[in-house]
Amino acid sequence: MKNRLRDLRAERGWSQAELATRLEVSRQTVISIENGKYDPSLPLAFRIAGVFGQPIEAIFDPKD
């Protein structure tokens, strides 16, 4: 699934490790999501949306 996670993180100047801490996941999880190798669970997708203050559909594109 395509996502804007890397772009949103970069806009805020956050490292992958910092985002992982904010989301309470491993840095490897952030890397996998950014690379499209892992689709987050619904609860994690809601946490991601909350951290960035955007709706889930503005971050993830399910059409890919």
PDB file of N, CA and C in Angstrom:
ATOM      1  N   MET A   1       0.849  -1.171   0.000  1.00  0.00           N
ATOM      2  CA  MET A   1       0.000   0.000   0.000  1.00  0.00           C
ATOM      3  C   MET A   1       0.901   1.242   0.000  1.00  0.00           C
ATOM      4  N   LYS A   2       0.609   2.161  -0.902  1.00  0.00           N
ATOM      5  CA  LYS A   2       1.369   3.413  -0.932  1.00  0.00           C
ATOM      6  C   LYS A   2       1.002   4.267   0.275  1.00  0.00           C
ATOM      7  N   ASN A   3       1.986   5.046   0.720  1.00  0.00           N
ATOM      8  CA  ASN A   3       1.716   5.932   1.847  1.00  0.00           C
ATOM      9  C   ASN A   3       2.626   7.157   1.773  1.00  0.00           C
ATOM     10  N   ARG A   4       2.282   8.160   2.545  1.00  0.00           N
ATOM     11  CA  ARG A   4       3.036   9.410   2.598  1.00  0.00           C
ATOM     12  C   ARG A   4       3.863   9.530   3.869  1.00  0.00           C
ATOM     13  N   LEU A   5       4.084   8.437   4.539  1.00  0.00           N
ATOM     14  CA  LEU A   5       4.747   8.458   5.838  1.00  0.00           C
ATOM     15  C   LEU A   5       6.123   9.121   5.776  1.00  0.00           C
ATOM     16  N   ARG A   6       6.933   8.734   4.808  1.00  0.00           N
ATOM     17  CA  ARG A   6       8.283   9.300   4.695  1.00  0.00           C
ATOM     18  C   ARG A   6       8.229  10.815   4.486  1.00  0.00           C
ATOM     19  N   ASP A   7       7.338  11.256   3.600  1.00  0.00           N
ATOM     20  CA  ASP A   7       7.220  12.696   3.318  1.00  0.00           C
ATOM     21  C   ASP A   7       6.750  13.470   4.552  1.00  0.00           C
ATOM     22  N   LEU A   8       5.749  12.942   5.226  1.00  0.00           N
ATOM     23  CA  LEU A   8       5.225  13.617   6.417  1.00  0.00           C
ATOM     24  C   LEU A   8       6.280  13.678   7.521  1.00  0.00           C
ATOM     25  N   ARG A   9       7.023  12.604   7.667  1.00  0.00           N
ATOM     26  CA  ARG A   9       8.084  12.562   8.678  1.00  0.00           C
ATOM     27  C   ARG A   9       9.167  13.589   8.331  1.00  0.00           C
ATOM     28  N   ALA A  10       9.553  13.640   7.069  1.00  0.00           N
ATOM     29  CA  ALA A  10      10.596  14.572   6.632  1.00  0.00           C
ATOM     30  C   ALA A  10      10.161  16.027   6.804  1.00  0.00           C
ATOM     31  N   GLU A  11       8.891  16.309   6.534  1.00  0.00           N
ATOM     32  CA  GLU A  11       8.374  17.668   6.699  1.00  0.00           C
ATOM     33  C   GLU A  11       8.545  18.161   8.129  1.00  0.00           C
ATOM     34  N   ARG A  12       8.491  17.241   9.072  1.00  0.00           N
ATOM     35  CA  ARG A  12       8.607  17.601  10.488  1.00  0.00           C
ATOM     36  C   ARG A  12      10.035  17.495  11.002  1.00  0.00           C
ATOM     37  N   GLY A  13      10.932  16.992  10.153  1.00  0.00           N
ATOM     38  CA  GLY A  13      12.322  16.854  10.559  1.00  0.00           C
ATOM     39  C   GLY A  13      12.564  15.730  11.548  1.00  0.00           C
ATOM     40  N   TRP A  14      11.684  14.734  11.549  1.00  0.00           N
ATOM     41  CA  TRP A  14      11.809  13.608  12.473  1.00  0.00           C
ATOM     42  C   TRP A  14      12.629  12.496  11.841  1.00  0.00           C
ATOM     43  N   SER A  15      13.439  11.845  12.637  1.00  0.00           N
ATOM     44  CA  SER A  15      14.139  10.647  12.190  1.00  0.00           C
ATOM     45  C   SER A  15      13.166   9.469  12.251  1.00  0.00           C
ATOM     46  N   GLN A  16      13.562   8.372  11.633  1.00  0.00           N
ATOM     47  CA  GLN A  16      12.739   7.162  11.729  1.00  0.00           C
ATOM     48  C   GLN A  16      12.647   6.705  13.174  1.00  0.00           C
ATOM     49  N   ALA A  17      13.737   6.847  13.903  1.00  0.00           N
ATOM     50  CA  ALA A  17      13.744   6.437  15.311  1.00  0.00           C
ATOM     51  C   ALA A  17      12.799   7.300  16.137  1.00  0.00           C
ATOM     52  N   GLU A  18      12.780   8.610  15.863  1.00  0.00           N
ATOM     53  CA  GLU A  18      11.894   9.495  16.611  1.00  0.00           C
ATOM     54  C   GLU A  18      10.424   9.169  16.330  1.00  0.00           C
ATOM     55  N   LEU A  19      10.106   8.933  15.058  1.00  0.00           N
ATOM     56  CA  LEU A  19       8.730   8.565  14.731  1.00  0.00           C
ATOM     57  C   LEU A  19       8.367   7.241  15.399  1.00  0.00           C
ATOM     58  N   ALA A  20       9.281   6.287  15.369  1.00  0.00           N
ATOM     59  CA  ALA A  20       9.026   4.989  16.004  1.00  0.00           C
ATOM     60  C   ALA A  20       8.713   5.160  17.484  1.00  0.00           C
ATOM     61  N   THR A  21       9.457   6.020  18.155  1.00  0.00           N
ATOM     62  CA  THR A  21       9.209   6.285  19.572  1.00  0.00           C
ATOM     63  C   THR A  21       7.823   6.885  19.766  1.00  0.00           C
ATOM     64  N   ARG A  22       7.464   7.845  18.933  1.00  0.00           N
ATOM     65  CA  ARG A  22       6.138   8.480  19.035  1.00  0.00           C
ATOM     66  C   ARG A  22       5.012   7.477  18.813  1.00  0.00           C
ATOM     67  N   LEU A  23       5.258   6.500  17.940  1.00  0.00           N
ATOM     68  CA  LEU A  23       4.231   5.497  17.616  1.00  0.00           C
ATOM     69  C   LEU A  23       4.294   4.266  18.510  1.00  0.00           C
ATOM     70  N   GLU A  24       5.344   4.182  19.327  1.00  0.00           N
ATOM     71  CA  GLU A  24       5.567   3.026  20.195  1.00  0.00           C
ATOM     72  C   GLU A  24       5.738   1.737  19.397  1.00  0.00           C
ATOM     73  N   VAL A  25       6.541   1.833  18.323  1.00  0.00           N
ATOM     74  CA  VAL A  25       6.888   0.677  17.499  1.00  0.00           C
ATOM     75  C   VAL A  25       8.402   0.703  17.293  1.00  0.00           C
ATOM     76  N   SER A  26       8.931  -0.320  16.656  1.00  0.00           N
ATOM     77  CA  SER A  26      10.372  -0.348  16.376  1.00  0.00           C
ATOM     78  C   SER A  26      10.687   0.519  15.154  1.00  0.00           C
ATOM     79  N   ARG A  27      11.937   0.917  15.065  1.00  0.00           N
ATOM     80  CA  ARG A  27      12.384   1.668  13.889  1.00  0.00           C
ATOM     81  C   ARG A  27      12.212   0.806  12.633  1.00  0.00           C
ATOM     82  N   GLN A  28      12.437  -0.489  12.759  1.00  0.00           N
ATOM     83  CA  GLN A  28      12.283  -1.406  11.630  1.00  0.00           C
ATOM     84  C   GLN A  28      10.837  -1.398  11.115  1.00  0.00           C
ATOM     85  N   THR A  29       9.865  -1.256  12.011  1.00  0.00           N
ATOM     86  CA  THR A  29       8.467  -1.181  11.596  1.00  0.00           C
ATOM     87  C   THR A  29       8.236   0.070  10.758  1.00  0.00           C
ATOM     88  N   VAL A  30       8.788   1.195  11.195  1.00  0.00           N
ATOM     89  CA  VAL A  30       8.649   2.443  10.431  1.00  0.00           C
ATOM     90  C   VAL A  30       9.280   2.277   9.051  1.00  0.00           C
ATOM     91  N   ILE A  31      10.475   1.687   8.990  1.00  0.00           N
ATOM     92  CA  ILE A  31      11.158   1.462   7.716  1.00  0.00           C
ATOM     93  C   ILE A  31      10.298   0.598   6.799  1.00  0.00           C
ATOM     94  N   SER A  32       9.745  -0.472   7.333  1.00  0.00           N
ATOM     95  CA  SER A  32       8.927  -1.389   6.532  1.00  0.00           C
ATOM     96  C   SER A  32       7.657  -0.718   6.006  1.00  0.00           C
ATOM     97  N   ILE A  33       7.030   0.102   6.825  1.00  0.00           N
ATOM     98  CA  ILE A  33       5.829   0.812   6.380  1.00  0.00           C
ATOM     99  C   ILE A  33       6.197   1.813   5.298  1.00  0.00           C
ATOM    100  N   GLU A  34       7.263   2.586   5.520  1.00  0.00           N
ATOM    101  CA  GLU A  34       7.684   3.576   4.537  1.00  0.00           C
ATOM    102  C   GLU A  34       8.011   2.941   3.185  1.00  0.00           C
ATOM    103  N   ASN A  35       8.602   1.756   3.212  1.00  0.00           N
ATOM    104  CA  ASN A  35       8.983   1.066   1.980  1.00  0.00           C
ATOM    105  C   ASN A  35       7.848   0.257   1.365  1.00  0.00           C
ATOM    106  N   GLY A  36       6.677   0.275   1.998  1.00  0.00           N
ATOM    107  CA  GLY A  36       5.531  -0.457   1.471  1.00  0.00           C
ATOM    108  C   GLY A  36       5.618  -1.954   1.641  1.00  0.00           C
ATOM    109  N   LYS A  37       6.499  -2.412   2.523  1.00  0.00           N
ATOM    110  CA  LYS A  37       6.650  -3.844   2.751  1.00  0.00           C
ATOM    111  C   LYS A  37       5.756  -4.365   3.873  1.00  0.00           C
ATOM    112  N   TYR A  38       5.151  -3.443   4.602  1.00  0.00           N
ATOM    113  CA  TYR A  38       4.303  -3.820   5.735  1.00  0.00           C
ATOM    114  C   TYR A  38       3.133  -2.855   5.798  1.00  0.00           C
ATOM    115  N   ASP A  39       1.926  -3.399   5.823  1.00  0.00           N
ATOM    116  CA  ASP A  39       0.723  -2.582   6.007  1.00  0.00           C
ATOM    117  C   ASP A  39       0.396  -2.570   7.495  1.00  0.00           C
ATOM    118  N   PRO A  40       0.283  -1.383   8.083  1.00  0.00           N
ATOM    119  CA  PRO A  40       0.033  -1.313   9.524  1.00  0.00           C
ATOM    120  C   PRO A  40      -1.357  -1.833   9.886  1.00  0.00           C
ATOM    121  N   SER A  41      -1.469  -2.306  11.102  1.00  0.00           N
ATOM    122  CA  SER A  41      -2.780  -2.701  11.616  1.00  0.00           C
ATOM    123  C   SER A  41      -3.654  -1.458  11.712  1.00  0.00           C
ATOM    124  N   LEU A  42      -4.935  -1.638  11.851  1.00  0.00           N
ATOM    125  CA  LEU A  42      -5.844  -0.500  11.965  1.00  0.00           C
ATOM    126  C   LEU A  42      -5.521   0.367  13.187  1.00  0.00           C
ATOM    127  N   PRO A  43      -5.275  -0.228  14.364  1.00  0.00           N
ATOM    128  CA  PRO A  43      -4.912   0.617  15.503  1.00  0.00           C
ATOM    129  C   PRO A  43      -3.636   1.428  15.253  1.00  0.00           C
ATOM    130  N   LEU A  44      -2.640   0.823  14.605  1.00  0.00           N
ATOM    131  CA  LEU A  44      -1.411   1.548  14.304  1.00  0.00           C
ATOM    132  C   LEU A  44      -1.667   2.631  13.268  1.00  0.00           C
ATOM    133  N   ALA A  45      -2.486   2.353  12.277  1.00  0.00           N
ATOM    134  CA  ALA A  45      -2.827   3.374  11.278  1.00  0.00           C
ATOM    135  C   ALA A  45      -3.504   4.572  11.945  1.00  0.00           C
ATOM    136  N   PHE A  46      -4.366   4.329  12.923  1.00  0.00           N
ATOM    137  CA  PHE A  46      -5.003   5.419  13.657  1.00  0.00           C
ATOM    138  C   PHE A  46      -3.972   6.210  14.473  1.00  0.00           C
ATOM    139  N   ARG A  47      -2.993   5.507  15.065  1.00  0.00           N
ATOM    140  CA  ARG A  47      -1.938   6.209  15.810  1.00  0.00           C
ATOM    141  C   ARG A  47      -1.112   7.078  14.873  1.00  0.00           C
ATOM    142  N   ILE A  48      -0.787   6.543  13.697  1.00  0.00           N
ATOM    143  CA  ILE A  48      -0.022   7.308  12.709  1.00  0.00           C
ATOM    144  C   ILE A  48      -0.799   8.561  12.312  1.00  0.00           C
ATOM    145  N   ALA A  49      -2.077   8.385  12.014  1.00  0.00           N
ATOM    146  CA  ALA A  49      -2.915   9.529  11.639  1.00  0.00           C
ATOM    147  C   ALA A  49      -2.953  10.557  12.763  1.00  0.00           C
ATOM    148  N   GLY A  50      -3.049  10.091  13.999  1.00  0.00           N
ATOM    149  CA  GLY A  50      -3.090  10.999  15.144  1.00  0.00           C
ATOM    150  C   GLY A  50      -1.795  11.772  15.324  1.00  0.00           C
ATOM    151  N   VAL A  51      -0.664  11.100  15.151  1.00  0.00           N
ATOM    152  CA  VAL A  51       0.641  11.754  15.296  1.00  0.00           C
ATOM    153  C   VAL A  51       0.790  12.884  14.268  1.00  0.00           C
ATOM    154  N   PHE A  52       0.281  12.656  13.064  1.00  0.00           N
ATOM    155  CA  PHE A  52       0.410  13.656  12.007  1.00  0.00           C
ATOM    156  C   PHE A  52      -0.789  14.593  11.912  1.00  0.00           C
ATOM    157  N   GLY A  53      -1.823  14.324  12.695  1.00  0.00           N
ATOM    158  CA  GLY A  53      -2.998  15.193  12.691  1.00  0.00           C
ATOM    159  C   GLY A  53      -3.738  15.194  11.370  1.00  0.00           C
ATOM    160  N   GLN A  54      -3.769  14.034  10.719  1.00  0.00           N
ATOM    161  CA  GLN A  54      -4.440  13.913   9.427  1.00  0.00           C
ATOM    162  C   GLN A  54      -5.304  12.661   9.422  1.00  0.00           C
ATOM    163  N   PRO A  55      -6.325  12.627   8.557  1.00  0.00           N
ATOM    164  CA  PRO A  55      -7.119  11.405   8.452  1.00  0.00           C
ATOM    165  C   PRO A  55      -6.300  10.281   7.800  1.00  0.00           C
ATOM    166  N   ILE A  56      -6.644   9.064   8.124  1.00  0.00           N
ATOM    167  CA  ILE A  56      -5.929   7.901   7.592  1.00  0.00           C
ATOM    168  C   ILE A  56      -5.850   7.954   6.067  1.00  0.00           C
ATOM    169  N   GLU A  57      -6.940   8.313   5.421  1.00  0.00           N
ATOM    170  CA  GLU A  57      -6.968   8.297   3.956  1.00  0.00           C
ATOM    171  C   GLU A  57      -6.070   9.360   3.328  1.00  0.00           C
ATOM    172  N   ALA A  58      -5.636  10.345   4.117  1.00  0.00           N
ATOM    173  CA  ALA A  58      -4.691  11.343   3.614  1.00  0.00           C
ATOM    174  C   ALA A  58      -3.256  10.829   3.692  1.00  0.00           C
ATOM    175  N   ILE A  59      -3.042   9.732   4.411  1.00  0.00           N
ATOM    176  CA  ILE A  59      -1.700   9.163   4.579  1.00  0.00           C
ATOM    177  C   ILE A  59      -1.525   7.894   3.766  1.00  0.00           C
ATOM    178  N   PHE A  60      -2.562   7.058   3.730  1.00  0.00           N
ATOM    179  CA  PHE A  60      -2.479   5.765   3.048  1.00  0.00           C
ATOM    180  C   PHE A  60      -3.393   5.732   1.830  1.00  0.00           C
ATOM    181  N   ASP A  61      -2.880   5.145   0.742  1.00  0.00           N
ATOM    182  CA  ASP A  61      -3.665   4.992  -0.492  1.00  0.00           C
ATOM    183  C   ASP A  61      -3.903   3.503  -0.719  1.00  0.00           C
ATOM    184  N   PRO A  62      -5.105   3.021  -0.425  1.00  0.00           N
ATOM    185  CA  PRO A  62      -5.381   1.581  -0.524  1.00  0.00           C
ATOM    186  C   PRO A  62      -5.459   1.072  -1.963  1.00  0.00           C
ATOM    187  N   LYS A  63      -5.421   1.957  -2.946  1.00  0.00           N
ATOM    188  CA  LYS A  63      -5.571   1.539  -4.342  1.00  0.00           C
ATOM    189  C   LYS A  63      -4.342   0.851  -4.891  1.00  0.00           C
ATOM    190  N   ASP A  64      -3.213   1.005  -4.232  1.00  0.00           N
ATOM    191  CA  ASP A  64      -1.978   0.396  -4.727  1.00  0.00           C
ATOM    192  C   ASP A  64      -1.892  -1.050  -4.295  1.00  0.00           C
TER     193      ASP A  64
END
